[in-house]
């Protein structure tokens, strides 16, 4: 993409331009990192819920709610139906509701989504049938999909572009702590009952604690000042920016009142200029939207092919349920640690090349993981594959948030990200079929092909962002 195409996304309002340029060119302060940490803490409960897509099925089978064969909903495996319900909800939350964060604000939608999936998670824990669990899982997925879109746009607007890669790496590190927690609790509780209730119910109930955390975060995290400026709410934006400036002189050097009153109209026009999804398919956004759609479709097949199916894939290689969960837990410990490996280089390499390298490693390691091997080798390959997947994850979350301006960021990110959710619904059934027909090698062959498409698409057609980040 030509440099002037990315430059054309700059805001037309002098007020909005000045604030954006300063935020892009500055350096992050302790207060900015505190906000990143708090948003990531809220995201922990989303990741915890997503991790249950892989770990919960053995407990549900033990309780007689799920079956090991294809006696599930519509004659499909219960694991595939459960994953499909999860990601169908995620699709609705990100594609159809993601734009709410552009309309009602990042903070409001972030808190609402946490409360939503806390309540629906509680509802799922009380179910006694596969249909009931899948239905409540679908509603939980709506809240999860809405939250992740909001977190990505929020962080992109609270830290300067010069350290945005590191911010997303740290965000992933904090959020992914939830994966070893979920796998450890599953390993500990799924094989037994506690206080007369099946262990899987207790594992699910932990995810509902997010409602309490939401109340705390609501009192600590301000609304995005970029969003407030885009809406013409200059006094509120000034209050938020002044609070940030009290802790920092790096995020703000321009006050809204410095611009003349005649600028109010241009800010309003900037907001109304992007009121439909069709704007994502017009210049200057068409090319980047198409690249991001392909990226999201095929990275999801690779990433969630491992995350959602790891225990099942290990069982298919002859391991018991208990050993499968134990190895899954060992591999999961790497999730929160692996993003830290890339903090030193997160903003030194162009974002698209992070994606290309990570997807390449994931493709090769996936094929090696599918071959018969002893436990130590499988765990080692699983760890390396997890590191590659998390490298890909933080890089593309930052990448897609940078390709859209404030006024359409949540709408754009939500729309393209929804394709990853839809792809995971389809790939859940496809992976179940490939595993049954061709074993683990068939599954990881499919994953390797998906990652290869990511490499070619982003490498050849993906626009660069880091070199023009200060011109957002």
Protein backbone atom coordinates (compact mmCIF):
# COMPACT_ATOMS: atom_id res chain seq x y z
CA UNK A 1 0.00 0.00 0.00
CA UNK A 2 1.32 3.43 -0.87
CA UNK A 3 2.35 5.63 2.00
CA UNK A 4 -0.10 8.36 1.01
CA UNK A 5 -2.96 5.86 1.31
CA UNK A 6 -2.25 5.40 5.00
CA UNK A 7 -1.75 9.14 5.35
CA UNK A 8 -5.25 9.72 4.05
CA UNK A 9 -6.72 8.24 7.22
CA UNK A 10 -5.56 11.21 9.26
CA UNK A 11 -8.34 13.15 10.99
CA UNK A 12 -9.50 16.36 9.36
CA UNK A 13 -10.24 18.21 12.59
CA UNK A 14 -7.29 20.25 13.95
CA UNK A 15 -8.24 19.14 17.43
CA UNK A 16 -8.28 15.48 16.55
CA UNK A 17 -5.12 15.70 14.44
CA UNK A 18 -3.06 17.35 17.14
CA UNK A 19 -4.03 14.86 19.81
CA UNK A 20 -3.48 11.86 17.56
CA UNK A 21 -0.09 13.05 16.37
CA UNK A 22 1.13 13.65 19.92
CA UNK A 23 -0.13 10.25 21.11
CA UNK A 24 1.58 8.58 18.18
CA UNK A 25 4.90 10.30 18.60
CA UNK A 26 5.21 10.22 22.40
CA UNK A 27 6.50 7.66 24.82
CA UNK A 28 4.39 5.55 27.13
CA UNK A 29 4.27 6.54 30.81
CA UNK A 30 3.62 4.48 33.96
CA UNK A 31 -0.02 5.59 33.92
CA UNK A 32 -0.42 4.38 30.32
CA UNK A 33 1.01 0.98 31.26
CA UNK A 34 -1.34 0.84 34.26
CA UNK A 35 -4.31 1.30 31.92
CA UNK A 36 -2.98 -1.45 29.63
CA UNK A 37 -2.64 -3.76 32.65
CA UNK A 38 -6.19 -3.07 33.88
CA UNK A 39 -7.72 -3.68 30.45
CA UNK A 40 -5.68 -6.86 30.15
CA UNK A 41 -6.91 -7.99 33.57
CA UNK A 42 -10.46 -7.70 32.30
CA UNK A 43 -9.45 -9.67 29.21
CA UNK A 44 -8.19 -12.51 31.43
CA UNK A 45 -11.76 -13.66 32.01
CA UNK A 46 -12.44 -13.70 28.29
CA UNK A 47 -9.34 -15.82 27.64
CA UNK A 48 -10.29 -18.07 30.56
CA UNK A 49 -13.68 -18.70 28.98
CA UNK A 50 -12.12 -19.36 25.58
CA UNK A 51 -9.65 -21.83 27.13
CA UNK A 52 -12.60 -23.87 28.44
CA UNK A 53 -13.50 -24.66 24.82
CA UNK A 54 -10.64 -27.16 24.85
CA UNK A 55 -10.47 -28.30 28.47
CA UNK A 56 -14.12 -28.65 29.51
CA UNK A 57 -15.20 -31.51 27.26
CA UNK A 58 -13.57 -34.35 29.27
CA UNK A 59 -15.48 -33.22 32.38
CA UNK A 60 -18.75 -33.02 30.47
CA UNK A 61 -18.13 -36.51 29.09
CA UNK A 62 -17.47 -37.78 32.61
CA UNK A 63 -20.83 -36.33 33.75
CA UNK A 64 -22.64 -38.03 30.87
CA UNK A 65 -23.70 -34.73 29.27
CA UNK A 66 -21.29 -35.00 26.34
CA UNK A 67 -20.48 -38.20 24.39
CA UNK A 68 -17.16 -39.35 22.99
CA UNK A 69 -18.67 -40.33 19.65
CA UNK A 70 -20.98 -38.53 17.20
CA UNK A 71 -24.16 -38.81 19.27
CA UNK A 72 -24.14 -35.08 19.91
CA UNK A 73 -26.35 -32.29 18.55
CA UNK A 74 -27.41 -32.95 14.91
CA UNK A 75 -25.34 -36.16 14.90
CA UNK A 76 -22.07 -34.26 15.37
CA UNK A 77 -19.46 -34.69 18.06
CA UNK A 78 -20.30 -32.71 21.19
CA UNK A 79 -16.82 -31.16 21.22
CA UNK A 80 -17.37 -29.78 17.70
CA UNK A 81 -20.85 -28.47 18.59
CA UNK A 82 -19.55 -26.81 21.76
CA UNK A 83 -16.70 -25.11 19.87
CA UNK A 84 -19.07 -24.08 17.08
CA UNK A 85 -21.54 -22.53 19.56
CA UNK A 86 -18.69 -20.63 21.19
CA UNK A 87 -17.37 -19.14 17.99
CA UNK A 88 -20.80 -18.49 16.49
CA UNK A 89 -21.42 -16.26 19.51
CA UNK A 90 -18.01 -14.66 19.07
CA UNK A 91 -18.90 -13.93 15.44
CA UNK A 92 -22.12 -12.18 16.41
CA UNK A 93 -20.39 -10.22 19.18
CA UNK A 94 -17.54 -8.97 17.00
CA UNK A 95 -19.24 -8.54 13.60
CA UNK A 96 -22.68 -7.26 14.53
CA UNK A 97 -22.03 -5.54 17.85
CA UNK A 98 -18.39 -4.43 17.52
CA UNK A 99 -19.51 -1.08 16.08
CA UNK A 100 -21.24 -0.32 19.41
CA UNK A 101 -17.82 0.63 20.79
CA UNK A 102 -17.61 3.34 18.11
CA UNK A 103 -21.08 4.58 18.98
CA UNK A 104 -21.29 4.28 22.78
CA UNK A 105 -17.62 4.43 23.75
CA UNK A 106 -14.83 1.99 24.56
CA UNK A 107 -15.29 2.08 28.34
CA UNK A 108 -19.07 1.58 28.33
CA UNK A 109 -18.98 -1.40 25.97
CA UNK A 110 -15.97 -2.94 27.71
CA UNK A 111 -17.78 -3.00 31.06
CA UNK A 112 -21.08 -4.11 29.51
CA UNK A 113 -19.43 -7.04 27.72
CA UNK A 114 -17.77 -8.24 30.95
CA UNK A 115 -21.08 -8.17 32.81
CA UNK A 116 -22.83 -9.91 29.91
CA UNK A 117 -20.54 -12.91 29.72
CA UNK A 118 -20.31 -13.19 33.51
CA UNK A 119 -24.09 -13.65 33.74
CA UNK A 120 -24.30 -16.03 30.78
CA UNK A 121 -21.36 -18.07 32.12
CA UNK A 122 -23.27 -18.52 35.36
CA UNK A 123 -26.27 -19.67 33.33
CA UNK A 124 -24.14 -22.27 31.51
CA UNK A 125 -22.83 -23.68 34.80
CA UNK A 126 -26.41 -24.55 35.80
CA UNK A 127 -27.29 -26.53 32.66
CA UNK A 128 -27.87 -30.30 32.56
CA UNK A 129 -28.05 -31.01 28.81
CA UNK A 130 -25.72 -30.58 25.85
CA UNK A 131 -28.29 -28.40 24.08
CA UNK A 132 -28.62 -26.13 27.11
CA UNK A 133 -24.85 -25.83 27.48
CA UNK A 134 -24.39 -25.01 23.79
CA UNK A 135 -27.17 -22.40 23.90
CA UNK A 136 -25.72 -20.58 26.91
CA UNK A 137 -22.24 -20.93 25.46
CA UNK A 138 -23.46 -19.11 22.35
CA UNK A 139 -24.71 -16.19 24.46
CA UNK A 140 -21.44 -16.14 26.41
CA UNK A 141 -19.57 -15.98 23.10
CA UNK A 142 -21.44 -12.79 22.14
CA UNK A 143 -20.04 -10.98 25.18
CA UNK A 144 -16.56 -12.40 24.64
CA UNK A 145 -16.47 -11.30 21.00
CA UNK A 146 -17.59 -7.79 21.87
CA UNK A 147 -14.99 -7.40 24.61
CA UNK A 148 -11.92 -8.41 22.65
CA UNK A 149 -12.68 -5.94 19.85
CA UNK A 150 -13.07 -3.20 22.45
CA UNK A 151 -9.79 -4.05 24.20
CA UNK A 152 -7.83 -3.89 20.94
CA UNK A 153 -9.24 -0.48 19.99
CA UNK A 154 -8.86 0.81 23.55
CA UNK A 155 -5.17 -0.07 23.82
CA UNK A 156 -4.43 1.29 20.34
CA UNK A 157 -5.81 4.66 21.49
CA UNK A 158 -4.17 4.81 24.93
CA UNK A 159 -0.51 4.17 24.03
CA UNK A 160 1.78 5.83 21.47
CA UNK A 161 2.45 4.01 18.21
CA UNK A 162 6.17 3.90 19.04
CA UNK A 163 5.53 1.33 21.80
CA UNK A 164 2.27 -0.19 20.60
CA UNK A 165 3.85 -3.54 19.74
CA UNK A 166 5.18 -3.84 23.28
CA UNK A 167 1.81 -2.81 24.69
CA UNK A 168 0.04 -5.59 22.80
CA UNK A 169 2.73 -8.10 23.82
CA UNK A 170 2.25 -7.19 27.49
CA UNK A 171 -1.52 -7.26 27.00
CA UNK A 172 -1.24 -10.81 25.67
CA UNK A 173 1.10 -11.80 28.50
CA UNK A 174 -1.37 -10.70 31.19
CA UNK A 175 -4.44 -12.08 29.45
CA UNK A 176 -2.86 -15.45 28.73
CA UNK A 177 -2.23 -16.09 32.41
CA UNK A 178 -5.83 -17.29 32.28
CA UNK A 179 -4.92 -20.30 30.11
CA UNK A 180 -2.71 -22.15 32.63
CA UNK A 181 -5.25 -21.22 35.33
CA UNK A 182 -8.07 -22.76 33.28
CA UNK A 183 -6.10 -25.89 32.39
CA UNK A 184 -4.85 -26.35 35.97
CA UNK A 185 -8.36 -26.05 37.41
CA UNK A 186 -9.64 -28.44 34.73
CA UNK A 187 -6.89 -30.95 35.49
CA UNK A 188 -7.60 -30.62 39.23
CA UNK A 189 -11.41 -30.53 39.28
CA UNK A 190 -12.81 -32.24 36.18
CA UNK A 191 -12.06 -35.83 37.35
CA UNK A 192 -13.92 -35.34 40.67
CA UNK A 193 -16.98 -33.86 42.37
CA UNK A 194 -16.85 -31.04 44.91
CA UNK A 195 -19.62 -30.40 47.49
CA UNK A 196 -21.95 -32.66 45.55
CA UNK A 197 -21.48 -30.85 42.21
CA UNK A 198 -19.50 -32.02 39.21
CA UNK A 199 -16.05 -30.48 38.90
CA UNK A 200 -16.78 -28.93 35.50
CA UNK A 201 -19.42 -26.67 37.08
CA UNK A 202 -16.87 -25.20 39.49
CA UNK A 203 -14.44 -24.61 36.65
CA UNK A 204 -17.10 -22.70 34.72
CA UNK A 205 -18.18 -20.66 37.77
CA UNK A 206 -14.70 -19.13 38.08
CA UNK A 207 -15.36 -17.32 34.80
CA UNK A 208 -18.36 -15.55 36.30
CA UNK A 209 -16.14 -13.67 38.78
CA UNK A 210 -15.47 -11.17 36.00
CA UNK A 211 -18.52 -9.19 37.13
CA UNK A 212 -16.70 -8.16 40.33
CA UNK A 213 -13.56 -7.21 38.43
CA UNK A 214 -15.66 -5.15 35.99
CA UNK A 215 -16.87 -2.95 38.85
CA UNK A 216 -13.30 -2.21 39.91
CA UNK A 217 -12.08 -1.50 36.38
CA UNK A 218 -15.05 0.80 35.72
CA UNK A 219 -13.81 3.07 38.51
CA UNK A 220 -10.18 3.07 37.33
CA UNK A 221 -10.14 3.28 33.52
CA UNK A 222 -11.27 6.46 31.71
CA UNK A 223 -13.02 6.66 28.37
CA UNK A 224 -10.74 6.84 25.34
CA UNK A 225 -9.90 10.53 24.81
CA UNK A 226 -9.64 9.91 21.06
CA UNK A 227 -13.23 8.64 21.01
CA UNK A 228 -14.45 11.62 23.03
CA UNK A 229 -12.75 14.04 20.65
CA UNK A 230 -14.25 12.25 17.64
CA UNK A 231 -17.70 12.71 19.16
CA UNK A 232 -17.14 16.40 19.71
CA UNK A 233 -17.30 16.01 23.50
CA UNK A 234 -14.35 18.31 24.07
CA UNK A 235 -14.92 19.16 27.73
CA UNK A 236 -15.10 15.48 28.71
CA UNK A 237 -12.07 14.71 26.58
CA UNK A 238 -10.20 17.55 28.27
CA UNK A 239 -11.06 16.11 31.71
CA UNK A 240 -9.77 12.66 30.73
CA UNK A 241 -6.65 14.04 29.06
CA UNK A 242 -5.92 16.29 32.03
CA UNK A 243 -6.09 13.24 34.30
CA UNK A 244 -3.65 11.43 32.06
CA UNK A 245 -1.40 14.47 31.94
CA UNK A 246 -1.35 14.62 35.72
CA UNK A 247 0.56 11.34 35.56
CA UNK A 248 2.36 11.98 32.33
CA UNK A 249 3.55 14.68 29.95
CA UNK A 250 4.04 12.23 27.06
CA UNK A 251 0.47 11.45 26.02
CA UNK A 252 -0.78 15.01 25.76
CA UNK A 253 0.79 18.26 24.70
CA UNK A 254 -2.28 19.84 23.12
CA UNK A 255 -5.53 20.82 24.82
CA UNK A 256 -8.86 20.87 22.97
CA UNK A 257 -9.50 24.52 23.83
CA UNK A 258 -6.34 25.50 21.94
CA UNK A 259 -8.29 25.08 18.71
CA UNK A 260 -10.89 27.54 17.63
CA UNK A 261 -14.62 26.94 18.04
CA UNK A 262 -15.03 26.67 14.30
CA UNK A 263 -13.42 23.20 14.44
CA UNK A 264 -16.39 21.60 16.19
CA UNK A 265 -18.19 20.98 12.96
CA UNK A 266 -15.31 19.20 11.29
CA UNK A 267 -15.02 16.76 14.17
CA UNK A 268 -18.68 15.93 13.84
CA UNK A 269 -18.27 15.42 10.12
CA UNK A 270 -15.39 13.03 10.77
CA UNK A 271 -17.62 10.86 12.93
CA UNK A 272 -20.53 10.85 10.50
CA UNK A 273 -18.26 10.10 7.54
CA UNK A 274 -17.92 6.47 8.63
CA UNK A 275 -21.42 5.33 9.49
CA UNK A 276 -21.71 2.13 7.51
CA UNK A 277 -19.79 -1.06 6.93
CA UNK A 278 -19.64 -0.20 3.23
CA UNK A 279 -16.96 2.39 4.04
CA UNK A 280 -14.62 -0.52 4.83
CA UNK A 281 -14.85 -1.56 1.17
CA UNK A 282 -14.02 1.86 -0.26
CA UNK A 283 -10.64 3.51 -0.63
CA UNK A 284 -8.44 3.87 1.30
CA UNK A 285 -9.67 0.87 3.32
CA UNK A 286 -10.55 -1.71 0.64
CA UNK A 287 -7.17 -3.36 0.26
CA UNK A 288 -6.39 -3.56 3.97
CA UNK A 289 -9.88 -4.88 4.74
CA UNK A 290 -9.49 -7.71 2.23
CA UNK A 291 -6.01 -8.61 3.53
CA UNK A 292 -7.26 -8.65 7.12
CA UNK A 293 -10.25 -10.85 6.23
CA UNK A 294 -7.95 -13.48 4.68
CA UNK A 295 -5.53 -13.16 7.62
CA UNK A 296 -8.28 -13.68 10.19
CA UNK A 297 -9.87 -16.63 8.40
CA UNK A 298 -6.69 -18.66 8.10
CA UNK A 299 -4.83 -17.68 11.26
CA UNK A 300 -7.89 -18.76 13.25
CA UNK A 301 -7.82 -22.21 11.67
CA UNK A 302 -4.22 -22.60 12.80
CA UNK A 303 -4.33 -20.91 16.19
CA UNK A 304 -7.59 -22.38 17.47
CA UNK A 305 -6.91 -25.69 15.77
CA UNK A 306 -4.29 -26.18 18.46
CA UNK A 307 -5.91 -24.29 21.37
CA UNK A 308 -9.35 -25.90 21.08
CA UNK A 309 -8.26 -29.40 20.16
CA UNK A 310 -5.00 -30.04 22.02
CA UNK A 311 -6.43 -32.41 24.69
CA UNK A 312 -8.45 -34.28 22.06
CA UNK A 313 -5.44 -34.56 19.74
CA UNK A 314 -3.32 -35.97 22.57
CA UNK A 315 -6.05 -38.50 23.43
CA UNK A 316 -6.13 -39.55 19.76
CA UNK A 317 -2.40 -40.38 20.05
CA UNK A 318 -3.10 -42.84 22.84
CA UNK A 319 -2.90 -40.73 25.99
CA UNK A 320 -5.48 -41.04 28.77
CA UNK A 321 -7.77 -38.11 29.61
CA UNK A 322 -5.81 -37.37 32.78
CA UNK A 323 -2.42 -37.45 31.02
CA UNK A 324 -3.83 -35.37 28.18
CA UNK A 325 -4.97 -32.66 30.61
CA UNK A 326 -1.64 -32.80 32.45
CA UNK A 327 0.37 -32.28 29.25
CA UNK A 328 -2.04 -29.56 28.16
CA UNK A 329 -1.42 -27.80 31.48
CA UNK A 330 2.37 -28.05 31.07
CA UNK A 331 2.17 -26.56 27.58
CA UNK A 332 -0.27 -23.88 28.74
CA UNK A 333 2.26 -22.45 31.23
CA UNK A 334 4.14 -21.09 28.22
CA UNK A 335 1.17 -18.97 27.08
CA UNK A 336 1.67 -15.98 29.41
CA UNK A 337 5.47 -16.18 29.19
CA UNK A 338 5.95 -16.40 25.42
CA UNK A 339 4.85 -12.83 24.52
CA UNK A 340 7.59 -11.49 26.82
CA UNK A 341 10.19 -13.11 24.58
CA UNK A 342 9.25 -10.67 21.82
CA UNK A 343 8.98 -7.44 23.83
CA UNK A 344 12.55 -6.36 22.90
CA UNK A 345 11.83 -6.65 19.16
CA UNK A 346 8.08 -5.93 19.09
CA UNK A 347 8.56 -2.37 17.77
CA UNK A 348 11.86 -2.86 15.95
CA UNK A 349 10.53 -5.08 13.16
CA UNK A 350 7.73 -4.11 10.81
CA UNK A 351 4.49 -5.61 12.12
CA UNK A 352 3.67 -7.58 8.96
CA UNK A 353 7.00 -9.43 9.10
CA UNK A 354 6.28 -10.52 12.66
CA UNK A 355 3.12 -12.14 11.29
CA UNK A 356 4.91 -13.79 8.37
CA UNK A 357 7.70 -15.27 10.51
CA UNK A 358 5.35 -16.49 13.26
CA UNK A 359 2.98 -18.18 10.79
CA UNK A 360 5.92 -19.88 9.04
CA UNK A 361 7.24 -21.36 12.27
CA UNK A 362 3.72 -22.47 13.29
CA UNK A 363 3.23 -24.35 10.00
CA UNK A 364 6.48 -26.31 10.31
CA UNK A 365 6.11 -27.08 14.02
CA UNK A 366 2.51 -28.18 13.55
CA UNK A 367 3.52 -30.84 11.04
CA UNK A 368 6.25 -32.09 13.39
CA UNK A 369 3.79 -32.20 16.31
CA UNK A 370 1.47 -34.48 14.34
CA UNK A 371 4.05 -37.24 13.99
CA UNK A 372 4.20 -40.09 16.54
CA UNK A 373 6.68 -39.26 19.29
CA UNK A 374 7.35 -39.76 22.98
CA UNK A 375 5.91 -37.54 25.67
CA UNK A 376 8.99 -35.27 26.10
CA UNK A 377 9.17 -34.56 22.37
CA UNK A 378 5.45 -33.86 22.10
CA UNK A 379 5.54 -31.46 25.04
CA UNK A 380 8.61 -29.69 23.58
CA UNK A 381 6.97 -29.30 20.17
CA UNK A 382 3.75 -28.17 21.84
CA UNK A 383 5.66 -25.47 23.72
CA UNK A 384 7.41 -24.23 20.57
CA UNK A 385 4.15 -24.24 18.64
CA UNK A 386 2.48 -22.29 21.43
CA UNK A 387 5.24 -19.67 21.34
CA UNK A 388 4.80 -19.28 17.57
CA UNK A 389 1.03 -18.96 17.88
CA UNK A 390 1.29 -16.30 20.59
CA UNK A 391 3.88 -14.41 18.55
CA UNK A 392 1.39 -14.38 15.69
CA UNK A 393 -1.46 -13.38 17.99
CA UNK A 394 -0.02 -10.24 19.57
CA UNK A 395 1.45 -9.11 16.22
CA UNK A 396 -1.78 -9.30 14.26
CA UNK A 397 -3.91 -7.78 17.04
CA UNK A 398 -1.68 -4.70 16.96
CA UNK A 399 -1.52 -4.79 13.15
CA UNK A 400 -5.24 -4.72 12.47
CA UNK A 401 -5.90 -2.03 15.08
CA UNK A 402 -3.36 0.23 13.36
CA UNK A 403 -4.93 -0.06 9.92
CA UNK A 404 -8.07 1.93 10.80
CA UNK A 405 -8.45 5.44 12.27
CA UNK A 406 -10.25 6.20 15.54
CA UNK A 407 -13.62 6.98 13.99
CA UNK A 408 -13.99 3.54 12.41
CA UNK A 409 -11.48 1.47 14.38
CA UNK A 410 -13.87 -0.67 16.45
CA UNK A 411 -16.15 -1.17 13.46
CA UNK A 412 -13.27 -2.19 11.20
CA UNK A 413 -11.50 -4.41 13.72
CA UNK A 414 -14.77 -6.04 14.75
CA UNK A 415 -15.77 -6.73 11.16
CA UNK A 416 -12.52 -8.33 10.01
CA UNK A 417 -12.01 -10.13 13.33
CA UNK A 418 -15.47 -11.70 13.04
CA UNK A 419 -14.20 -13.74 10.10
CA UNK A 420 -11.80 -15.53 12.43
CA UNK A 421 -14.76 -16.50 14.58
CA UNK A 422 -16.79 -17.71 11.61
CA UNK A 423 -13.78 -19.62 10.30
CA UNK A 424 -13.35 -21.36 13.65
CA UNK A 425 -16.97 -22.53 13.56
CA UNK A 426 -16.39 -24.13 10.17
CA UNK A 427 -12.92 -25.45 11.04
CA UNK A 428 -14.26 -27.07 14.24
CA UNK A 429 -16.37 -29.44 12.15
CA UNK A 430 -13.66 -29.81 9.51
CA UNK A 431 -11.01 -30.70 12.11
CA UNK A 432 -13.38 -33.24 13.68
CA UNK A 433 -13.77 -34.84 10.24
CA UNK A 434 -10.04 -34.76 9.47
CA UNK A 435 -9.15 -36.23 12.85
CA UNK A 436 -11.61 -39.07 12.36
CA UNK A 437 -10.54 -39.80 8.78
CA UNK A 438 -6.80 -39.03 8.74
CA UNK A 439 -5.69 -38.71 12.35
CA UNK A 440 -3.51 -35.91 13.79
CA UNK A 441 -1.43 -35.60 10.61
CA UNK A 442 -4.54 -34.65 8.62
CA UNK A 443 -5.42 -31.98 11.20
CA UNK A 444 -1.97 -30.42 11.24
CA UNK A 445 -1.65 -30.65 7.47
CA UNK A 446 -4.74 -28.48 7.29
CA UNK A 447 -3.27 -26.10 9.90
CA UNK A 448 0.02 -25.85 7.97
CA UNK A 449 -1.80 -24.98 4.74
CA UNK A 450 -3.78 -22.30 6.56
CA UNK A 451 -0.61 -20.73 7.95
CA UNK A 452 1.00 -20.82 4.49
CA UNK A 453 -1.88 -18.76 3.12
CA UNK A 454 -1.33 -16.23 5.93
CA UNK A 455 2.35 -15.98 4.99
CA UNK A 456 1.66 -15.35 1.30
CA UNK A 457 -1.25 -12.93 1.81
CA UNK A 458 0.35 -10.70 4.44
CA UNK A 459 3.85 -10.95 2.99
CA UNK A 460 2.83 -9.93 -0.54
CA UNK A 461 -0.22 -7.74 -0.03
CA UNK A 462 -0.23 -6.55 3.59
CA UNK A 463 0.44 -2.80 4.04
CA UNK A 464 3.23 -1.63 6.29
CA UNK A 465 2.22 0.22 9.45
CA UNK A 466 5.22 0.84 11.70
CA UNK A 467 7.01 3.26 9.42
CA UNK A 468 3.92 5.43 9.05
CA UNK A 469 2.58 4.98 12.58
CA UNK A 470 3.31 8.56 13.54
CA UNK A 471 1.01 9.75 10.78
CA UNK A 472 -2.17 8.19 12.05
